[in-house]
Amino acid sequence: MAGHTNNVGDVTLDANQATTAVTDQRVNVNSAVILVPTSANALADVVGTGVYVSSIGDDTFTITHPNNANADKTFKYVIVG
């Protein structure tokens, strides 16, 4: 379909951890990764302490986020480039 991309995915942040590693063969060191929260706890972390992509490599990227026990912190992501 026109206007759609296959460079999308879903990720749930690891509970009781400060980072979550994501493996995706479509990402490389020249990519940008955009995160969109899809749950209330994910949005609360974005608004509170913050959630961001802290490193991008070939086939992987790392998300830094608050270290809490919430297990339902889900995001959609888009890989650009």
PDB file of N, CA and C in Angstrom:
ATOM      1  N   MET A   1       0.834  -1.183   0.000  1.00  0.00           N
ATOM      2  CA  MET A   1       0.000   0.000   0.000  1.00  0.00           C
ATOM      3  C   MET A   1       0.874   1.240   0.000  1.00  0.00           C
ATOM      4  N   ALA A   2       0.452   2.217  -0.730  1.00  0.00           N
ATOM      5  CA  ALA A   2       1.195   3.467  -0.777  1.00  0.00           C
ATOM      6  C   ALA A   2       1.159   4.160   0.576  1.00  0.00           C
ATOM      7  N   GLY A   3       2.273   4.742   0.964  1.00  0.00           N
ATOM      8  CA  GLY A   3       2.334   5.473   2.214  1.00  0.00           C
ATOM      9  C   GLY A   3       2.643   4.623   3.436  1.00  0.00           C
ATOM     10  N   HIS A   4       2.799   3.326   3.258  1.00  0.00           N
ATOM     11  CA  HIS A   4       3.109   2.451   4.380  1.00  0.00           C
ATOM     12  C   HIS A   4       4.580   2.051   4.329  1.00  0.00           C
ATOM     13  N   THR A   5       5.114   1.729   5.471  1.00  0.00           N
ATOM     14  CA  THR A   5       6.510   1.321   5.546  1.00  0.00           C
ATOM     15  C   THR A   5       6.625  -0.010   6.263  1.00  0.00           C
ATOM     16  N   ASN A   6       7.609  -0.781   5.895  1.00  0.00           N
ATOM     17  CA  ASN A   6       7.870  -2.038   6.579  1.00  0.00           C
ATOM     18  C   ASN A   6       8.907  -1.866   7.676  1.00  0.00           C
ATOM     19  N   ASN A   7       9.367  -0.648   7.899  1.00  0.00           N
ATOM     20  CA  ASN A   7      10.410  -0.396   8.892  1.00  0.00           C
ATOM     21  C   ASN A   7       9.807  -0.010  10.231  1.00  0.00           C
ATOM     22  N   VAL A   8       8.850  -0.818  10.709  1.00  0.00           N
ATOM     23  CA  VAL A   8       8.211  -0.567  11.992  1.00  0.00           C
ATOM     24  C   VAL A   8       8.306  -1.803  12.863  1.00  0.00           C
ATOM     25  N   GLY A   9       8.199  -1.606  14.169  1.00  0.00           N
ATOM     26  CA  GLY A   9       8.236  -2.732  15.091  1.00  0.00           C
ATOM     27  C   GLY A   9       7.626  -2.351  16.425  1.00  0.00           C
ATOM     28  N   ASP A  10       7.543  -3.327  17.311  1.00  0.00           N
ATOM     29  CA  ASP A  10       7.031  -3.143  18.663  1.00  0.00           C
ATOM     30  C   ASP A  10       8.105  -3.582  19.648  1.00  0.00           C
ATOM     31  N   VAL A  11       8.142  -2.906  20.789  1.00  0.00           N
ATOM     32  CA  VAL A  11       9.077  -3.293  21.847  1.00  0.00           C
ATOM     33  C   VAL A  11       8.422  -3.020  23.195  1.00  0.00           C
ATOM     34  N   THR A  12       8.640  -3.920  24.142  1.00  0.00           N
ATOM     35  CA  THR A  12       8.247  -3.710  25.531  1.00  0.00           C
ATOM     36  C   THR A  12       9.524  -3.548  26.340  1.00  0.00           C
ATOM     37  N   LEU A  13       9.625  -2.434  27.054  1.00  0.00           N
ATOM     38  CA  LEU A  13      10.840  -2.161  27.822  1.00  0.00           C
ATOM     39  C   LEU A  13      10.975  -3.162  28.960  1.00  0.00           C
ATOM     40  N   ASP A  14      12.204  -3.534  29.252  1.00  0.00           N
ATOM     41  CA  ASP A  14      12.481  -4.488  30.318  1.00  0.00           C
ATOM     42  C   ASP A  14      12.192  -3.865  31.678  1.00  0.00           C
ATOM     43  N   ALA A  15      11.391  -4.563  32.492  1.00  0.00           N
ATOM     44  CA  ALA A  15      11.106  -4.102  33.850  1.00  0.00           C
ATOM     45  C   ALA A  15      12.346  -4.273  34.724  1.00  0.00           C
ATOM     46  N   ASN A  16      12.494  -3.399  35.702  1.00  0.00           N
ATOM     47  CA  ASN A  16      13.607  -3.443  36.667  1.00  0.00           C
ATOM     48  C   ASN A  16      14.975  -3.359  35.993  1.00  0.00           C
ATOM     49  N   GLN A  17      15.033  -2.701  34.872  1.00  0.00           N
ATOM     50  CA  GLN A  17      16.279  -2.460  34.143  1.00  0.00           C
ATOM     51  C   GLN A  17      16.293  -1.008  33.689  1.00  0.00           C
ATOM     52  N   ALA A  18      17.472  -0.458  33.452  1.00  0.00           N
ATOM     53  CA  ALA A  18      17.594   0.917  32.980  1.00  0.00           C
ATOM     54  C   ALA A  18      17.756   1.011  31.471  1.00  0.00           C
ATOM     55  N   THR A  19      17.983  -0.135  30.813  1.00  0.00           N
ATOM     56  CA  THR A  19      18.106  -0.149  29.358  1.00  0.00           C
ATOM     57  C   THR A  19      17.419  -1.394  28.796  1.00  0.00           C
ATOM     58  N   THR A  20      17.047  -1.281  27.530  1.00  0.00           N
ATOM     59  CA  THR A  20      16.490  -2.414  26.786  1.00  0.00           C
ATOM     60  C   THR A  20      17.176  -2.450  25.438  1.00  0.00           C
ATOM     61  N   ALA A  21      17.770  -3.592  25.089  1.00  0.00           N
ATOM     62  CA  ALA A  21      18.406  -3.767  23.783  1.00  0.00           C
ATOM     63  C   ALA A  21      17.395  -4.377  22.818  1.00  0.00           C
ATOM     64  N   VAL A  22      17.365  -3.847  21.606  1.00  0.00           N
ATOM     65  CA  VAL A  22      16.457  -4.332  20.566  1.00  0.00           C
ATOM     66  C   VAL A  22      17.298  -4.803  19.391  1.00  0.00           C
ATOM     67  N   THR A  23      17.046  -6.008  18.931  1.00  0.00           N
ATOM     68  CA  THR A  23      17.721  -6.539  17.747  1.00  0.00           C
ATOM     69  C   THR A  23      16.767  -6.443  16.558  1.00  0.00           C
ATOM     70  N   ASP A  24      17.209  -5.778  15.520  1.00  0.00           N
ATOM     71  CA  ASP A  24      16.404  -5.620  14.312  1.00  0.00           C
ATOM     72  C   ASP A  24      17.359  -5.480  13.137  1.00  0.00           C
ATOM     73  N   GLN A  25      17.292  -6.400  12.206  1.00  0.00           N
ATOM     74  CA  GLN A  25      18.234  -6.416  11.082  1.00  0.00           C
ATOM     75  C   GLN A  25      18.078  -5.226  10.147  1.00  0.00           C
ATOM     76  N   ARG A  26      17.010  -4.459  10.289  1.00  0.00           N
ATOM     77  CA  ARG A  26      16.786  -3.307   9.401  1.00  0.00           C
ATOM     78  C   ARG A  26      17.496  -2.048   9.870  1.00  0.00           C
ATOM     79  N   VAL A  27      18.043  -2.053  11.091  1.00  0.00           N
ATOM     80  CA  VAL A  27      18.692  -0.863  11.631  1.00  0.00           C
ATOM     81  C   VAL A  27      20.199  -0.945  11.389  1.00  0.00           C
ATOM     82  N   ASN A  28      20.815   0.223  11.157  1.00  0.00           N
ATOM     83  CA  ASN A  28      22.276   0.284  11.024  1.00  0.00           C
ATOM     84  C   ASN A  28      22.759   1.590  11.646  1.00  0.00           C
ATOM     85  N   VAL A  29      24.054   1.772  11.684  1.00  0.00           N
ATOM     86  CA  VAL A  29      24.640   2.919  12.385  1.00  0.00           C
ATOM     87  C   VAL A  29      24.192   4.263  11.809  1.00  0.00           C
ATOM     88  N   ASN A  30      23.679   4.293  10.591  1.00  0.00           N
ATOM     89  CA  ASN A  30      23.214   5.534   9.976  1.00  0.00           C
ATOM     90  C   ASN A  30      21.716   5.755  10.135  1.00  0.00           C
ATOM     91  N   SER A  31      21.029   4.866  10.840  1.00  0.00           N
ATOM     92  CA  SER A  31      19.583   4.958  11.020  1.00  0.00           C
ATOM     93  C   SER A  31      19.215   5.923  12.139  1.00  0.00           C
ATOM     94  N   ALA A  32      17.983   6.382  12.086  1.00  0.00           N
ATOM     95  CA  ALA A  32      17.340   7.078  13.196  1.00  0.00           C
ATOM     96  C   ALA A  32      16.170   6.204  13.633  1.00  0.00           C
ATOM     97  N   VAL A  33      15.938   6.126  14.931  1.00  0.00           N
ATOM     98  CA  VAL A  33      14.839   5.320  15.466  1.00  0.00           C
ATOM     99  C   VAL A  33      13.904   6.252  16.235  1.00  0.00           C
ATOM    100  N   ILE A  34      12.624   6.215  15.875  1.00  0.00           N
ATOM    101  CA  ILE A  34      11.606   7.044  16.513  1.00  0.00           C
ATOM    102  C   ILE A  34      10.719   6.152  17.366  1.00  0.00           C
ATOM    103  N   LEU A  35      10.529   6.522  18.629  1.00  0.00           N
ATOM    104  CA  LEU A  35       9.701   5.750  19.556  1.00  0.00           C
ATOM    105  C   LEU A  35       8.356   6.441  19.779  1.00  0.00           C
ATOM    106  N   VAL A  36       7.279   5.647  19.829  1.00  0.00           N
ATOM    107  CA  VAL A  36       5.941   6.159  20.107  1.00  0.00           C
ATOM    108  C   VAL A  36       5.325   5.292  21.213  1.00  0.00           C
ATOM    109  N   PRO A  37       5.021   5.867  22.382  1.00  0.00           N
ATOM    110  CA  PRO A  37       4.442   5.070  23.464  1.00  0.00           C
ATOM    111  C   PRO A  37       3.035   4.590  23.105  1.00  0.00           C
ATOM    112  N   THR A  38       2.720   3.333  23.471  1.00  0.00           N
ATOM    113  CA  THR A  38       1.397   2.781  23.181  1.00  0.00           C
ATOM    114  C   THR A  38       0.691   2.286  24.443  1.00  0.00           C
ATOM    115  N   SER A  39       1.261   2.535  25.613  1.00  0.00           N
ATOM    116  CA  SER A  39       0.607   2.175  26.875  1.00  0.00           C
ATOM    117  C   SER A  39       0.744   3.343  27.846  1.00  0.00           C
ATOM    118  N   ALA A  40      -0.115   3.353  28.842  1.00  0.00           N
ATOM    119  CA  ALA A  40      -0.097   4.445  29.823  1.00  0.00           C
ATOM    120  C   ALA A  40       1.228   4.509  30.574  1.00  0.00           C
ATOM    121  N   ASN A  41       1.776   3.361  30.963  1.00  0.00           N
ATOM    122  CA  ASN A  41       3.051   3.369  31.689  1.00  0.00           C
ATOM    123  C   ASN A  41       4.205   3.810  30.794  1.00  0.00           C
ATOM    124  N   ALA A  42       4.154   3.483  29.521  1.00  0.00           N
ATOM    125  CA  ALA A  42       5.188   3.960  28.593  1.00  0.00           C
ATOM    126  C   ALA A  42       5.141   5.477  28.488  1.00  0.00           C
ATOM    127  N   LEU A  43       3.947   6.019  28.335  1.00  0.00           N
ATOM    128  CA  LEU A  43       3.799   7.470  28.255  1.00  0.00           C
ATOM    129  C   LEU A  43       4.241   8.144  29.549  1.00  0.00           C
ATOM    130  N   ALA A  44       3.912   7.558  30.685  1.00  0.00           N
ATOM    131  CA  ALA A  44       4.323   8.124  31.979  1.00  0.00           C
ATOM    132  C   ALA A  44       5.841   8.188  32.082  1.00  0.00           C
ATOM    133  N   ASP A  45       6.544   7.175  31.592  1.00  0.00           N
ATOM    134  CA  ASP A  45       8.009   7.193  31.623  1.00  0.00           C
ATOM    135  C   ASP A  45       8.577   8.257  30.694  1.00  0.00           C
ATOM    136  N   VAL A  46       7.948   8.458  29.531  1.00  0.00           N
ATOM    137  CA  VAL A  46       8.405   9.491  28.596  1.00  0.00           C
ATOM    138  C   VAL A  46       8.252  10.869  29.229  1.00  0.00           C
ATOM    139  N   VAL A  47       7.107  11.120  29.831  1.00  0.00           N
ATOM    140  CA  VAL A  47       6.819  12.426  30.426  1.00  0.00           C
ATOM    141  C   VAL A  47       7.630  12.635  31.698  1.00  0.00           C
ATOM    142  N   GLY A  48       7.854  11.568  32.457  1.00  0.00           N
ATOM    143  CA  GLY A  48       8.593  11.674  33.719  1.00  0.00           C
ATOM    144  C   GLY A  48      10.075  11.839  33.483  1.00  0.00           C
ATOM    145  N   THR A  49      10.812  10.790  33.675  1.00  0.00           N
ATOM    146  CA  THR A  49      12.268  10.821  33.574  1.00  0.00           C
ATOM    147  C   THR A  49      12.761  10.878  32.137  1.00  0.00           C
ATOM    148  N   GLY A  50      12.026  10.255  31.219  1.00  0.00           N
ATOM    149  CA  GLY A  50      12.396  10.252  29.811  1.00  0.00           C
ATOM    150  C   GLY A  50      12.758   8.877  29.311  1.00  0.00           C
ATOM    151  N   VAL A  51      12.508   8.657  28.052  1.00  0.00           N
ATOM    152  CA  VAL A  51      12.841   7.423  27.345  1.00  0.00           C
ATOM    153  C   VAL A  51      13.475   7.848  26.032  1.00  0.00           C
ATOM    154  N   TYR A  52      14.649   7.299  25.707  1.00  0.00           N
ATOM    155  CA  TYR A  52      15.315   7.709  24.476  1.00  0.00           C
ATOM    156  C   TYR A  52      16.209   6.590  23.946  1.00  0.00           C
ATOM    157  N   VAL A  53      16.489   6.656  22.652  1.00  0.00           N
ATOM    158  CA  VAL A  53      17.422   5.723  22.021  1.00  0.00           C
ATOM    159  C   VAL A  53      18.821   6.234  22.325  1.00  0.00           C
ATOM    160  N   SER A  54      19.583   5.463  23.085  1.00  0.00           N
ATOM    161  CA  SER A  54      20.893   5.919  23.542  1.00  0.00           C
ATOM    162  C   SER A  54      22.043   5.449  22.672  1.00  0.00           C
ATOM    163  N   SER A  55      21.828   4.400  21.872  1.00  0.00           N
ATOM    164  CA  SER A  55      22.871   3.978  20.931  1.00  0.00           C
ATOM    165  C   SER A  55      22.235   3.186  19.800  1.00  0.00           C
ATOM    166  N   ILE A  56      22.855   3.298  18.626  1.00  0.00           N
ATOM    167  CA  ILE A  56      22.403   2.578  17.437  1.00  0.00           C
ATOM    168  C   ILE A  56      23.612   1.950  16.784  1.00  0.00           C
ATOM    169  N   GLY A  57      23.509   0.676  16.476  1.00  0.00           N
ATOM    170  CA  GLY A  57      24.569  -0.050  15.787  1.00  0.00           C
ATOM    171  C   GLY A  57      23.983  -0.859  14.648  1.00  0.00           C
ATOM    172  N   ASP A  58      24.794  -1.646  14.005  1.00  0.00           N
ATOM    173  CA  ASP A  58      24.296  -2.521  12.962  1.00  0.00           C
ATOM    174  C   ASP A  58      23.476  -3.630  13.608  1.00  0.00           C
ATOM    175  N   ASP A  59      22.209  -3.740  13.218  1.00  0.00           N
ATOM    176  CA  ASP A  59      21.269  -4.772  13.673  1.00  0.00           C
ATOM    177  C   ASP A  59      20.797  -4.604  15.107  1.00  0.00           C
ATOM    178  N   THR A  60      21.099  -3.493  15.767  1.00  0.00           N
ATOM    179  CA  THR A  60      20.683  -3.334  17.161  1.00  0.00           C
ATOM    180  C   THR A  60      20.581  -1.859  17.548  1.00  0.00           C
ATOM    181  N   PHE A  61      19.730  -1.581  18.531  1.00  0.00           N
ATOM    182  CA  PHE A  61      19.722  -0.272  19.177  1.00  0.00           C
ATOM    183  C   PHE A  61      19.346  -0.468  20.642  1.00  0.00           C
ATOM    184  N   THR A  62      19.730   0.511  21.463  1.00  0.00           N
ATOM    185  CA  THR A  62      19.483   0.437  22.899  1.00  0.00           C
ATOM    186  C   THR A  62      18.618   1.610  23.323  1.00  0.00           C
ATOM    187  N   ILE A  63      17.616   1.301  24.145  1.00  0.00           N
ATOM    188  CA  ILE A  63      16.721   2.318  24.691  1.00  0.00           C
ATOM    189  C   ILE A  63      17.051   2.488  26.172  1.00  0.00           C
ATOM    190  N   THR A  64      17.283   3.734  26.592  1.00  0.00           N
ATOM    191  CA  THR A  64      17.505   4.047  28.002  1.00  0.00           C
ATOM    192  C   THR A  64      16.181   4.566  28.568  1.00  0.00           C
ATOM    193  N   HIS A  65      15.836   4.079  29.773  1.00  0.00           N
ATOM    194  CA  HIS A  65      14.519   4.393  30.342  1.00  0.00           C
ATOM    195  C   HIS A  65      14.575   4.272  31.860  1.00  0.00           C
ATOM    196  N   PRO A  66      13.524   4.727  32.567  1.00  0.00           N
ATOM    197  CA  PRO A  66      13.495   4.594  34.026  1.00  0.00           C
ATOM    198  C   PRO A  66      13.522   3.125  34.458  1.00  0.00           C
ATOM    199  N   ASN A  67      14.203   2.887  35.553  1.00  0.00           N
ATOM    200  CA  ASN A  67      14.306   1.549  36.123  1.00  0.00           C
ATOM    201  C   ASN A  67      13.174   1.400  37.141  1.00  0.00           C
ATOM    202  N   ASN A  68      12.076   0.760  36.706  1.00  0.00           N
ATOM    203  CA  ASN A  68      10.958   0.526  37.616  1.00  0.00           C
ATOM    204  C   ASN A  68      10.327  -0.830  37.314  1.00  0.00           C
ATOM    205  N   ALA A  69       9.379  -1.235  38.136  1.00  0.00           N
ATOM    206  CA  ALA A  69       8.800  -2.584  38.031  1.00  0.00           C
ATOM    207  C   ALA A  69       7.670  -2.690  37.016  1.00  0.00           C
ATOM    208  N   ASN A  70       7.270  -1.592  36.389  1.00  0.00           N
ATOM    209  CA  ASN A  70       6.179  -1.654  35.410  1.00  0.00           C
ATOM    210  C   ASN A  70       6.576  -2.534  34.226  1.00  0.00           C
ATOM    211  N   ALA A  71       5.749  -3.527  33.944  1.00  0.00           N
ATOM    212  CA  ALA A  71       6.084  -4.490  32.896  1.00  0.00           C
ATOM    213  C   ALA A  71       5.358  -4.218  31.579  1.00  0.00           C
ATOM    214  N   ASP A  72       4.477  -3.248  31.562  1.00  0.00           N
ATOM    215  CA  ASP A  72       3.680  -3.015  30.351  1.00  0.00           C
ATOM    216  C   ASP A  72       4.050  -1.706  29.653  1.00  0.00           C
ATOM    217  N   LYS A  73       5.336  -1.423  29.569  1.00  0.00           N
ATOM    218  CA  LYS A  73       5.813  -0.200  28.911  1.00  0.00           C
ATOM    219  C   LYS A  73       6.090  -0.529  27.442  1.00  0.00           C
ATOM    220  N   THR A  74       5.056  -0.417  26.616  1.00  0.00           N
ATOM    221  CA  THR A  74       5.185  -0.807  25.218  1.00  0.00           C
ATOM    222  C   THR A  74       5.275   0.415  24.300  1.00  0.00           C
ATOM    223  N   PHE A  75       6.049   0.232  23.240  1.00  0.00           N
ATOM    224  CA  PHE A  75       6.283   1.277  22.252  1.00  0.00           C
ATOM    225  C   PHE A  75       6.199   0.692  20.843  1.00  0.00           C
ATOM    226  N   LYS A  76       5.778   1.512  19.908  1.00  0.00           N
ATOM    227  CA  LYS A  76       5.989   1.245  18.491  1.00  0.00           C
ATOM    228  C   LYS A  76       7.270   1.994  18.141  1.00  0.00           C
ATOM    229  N   TYR A  77       8.026   1.462  17.176  1.00  0.00           N
ATOM    230  CA  TYR A  77       9.187   2.199  16.700  1.00  0.00           C
ATOM    231  C   TYR A  77       9.222   2.195  15.186  1.00  0.00           C
ATOM    232  N   VAL A  78       9.832   3.250  14.648  1.00  0.00           N
ATOM    233  CA  VAL A  78      10.021   3.411  13.203  1.00  0.00           C
ATOM    234  C   VAL A  78      11.513   3.585  12.969  1.00  0.00           C
ATOM    235  N   ILE A  79      12.033   2.851  12.014  1.00  0.00           N
ATOM    236  CA  ILE A  79      13.436   2.992  11.620  1.00  0.00           C
ATOM    237  C   ILE A  79      13.483   3.827  10.352  1.00  0.00           C
ATOM    238  N   VAL A  80      14.237   4.925  10.409  1.00  0.00           N
ATOM    239  CA  VAL A  80      14.399   5.799   9.255  1.00  0.00           C
ATOM    240  C   VAL A  80      15.838   5.693   8.796  1.00  0.00           C
ATOM    241  N   GLY A  81      16.021   5.326   7.545  1.00  0.00           N
ATOM    242  CA  GLY A  81      17.366   5.218   6.982  1.00  0.00           C
ATOM    243  C   GLY A  81      18.002   3.881   7.150  1.00  0.00           C
TER     244      GLY A  81
END
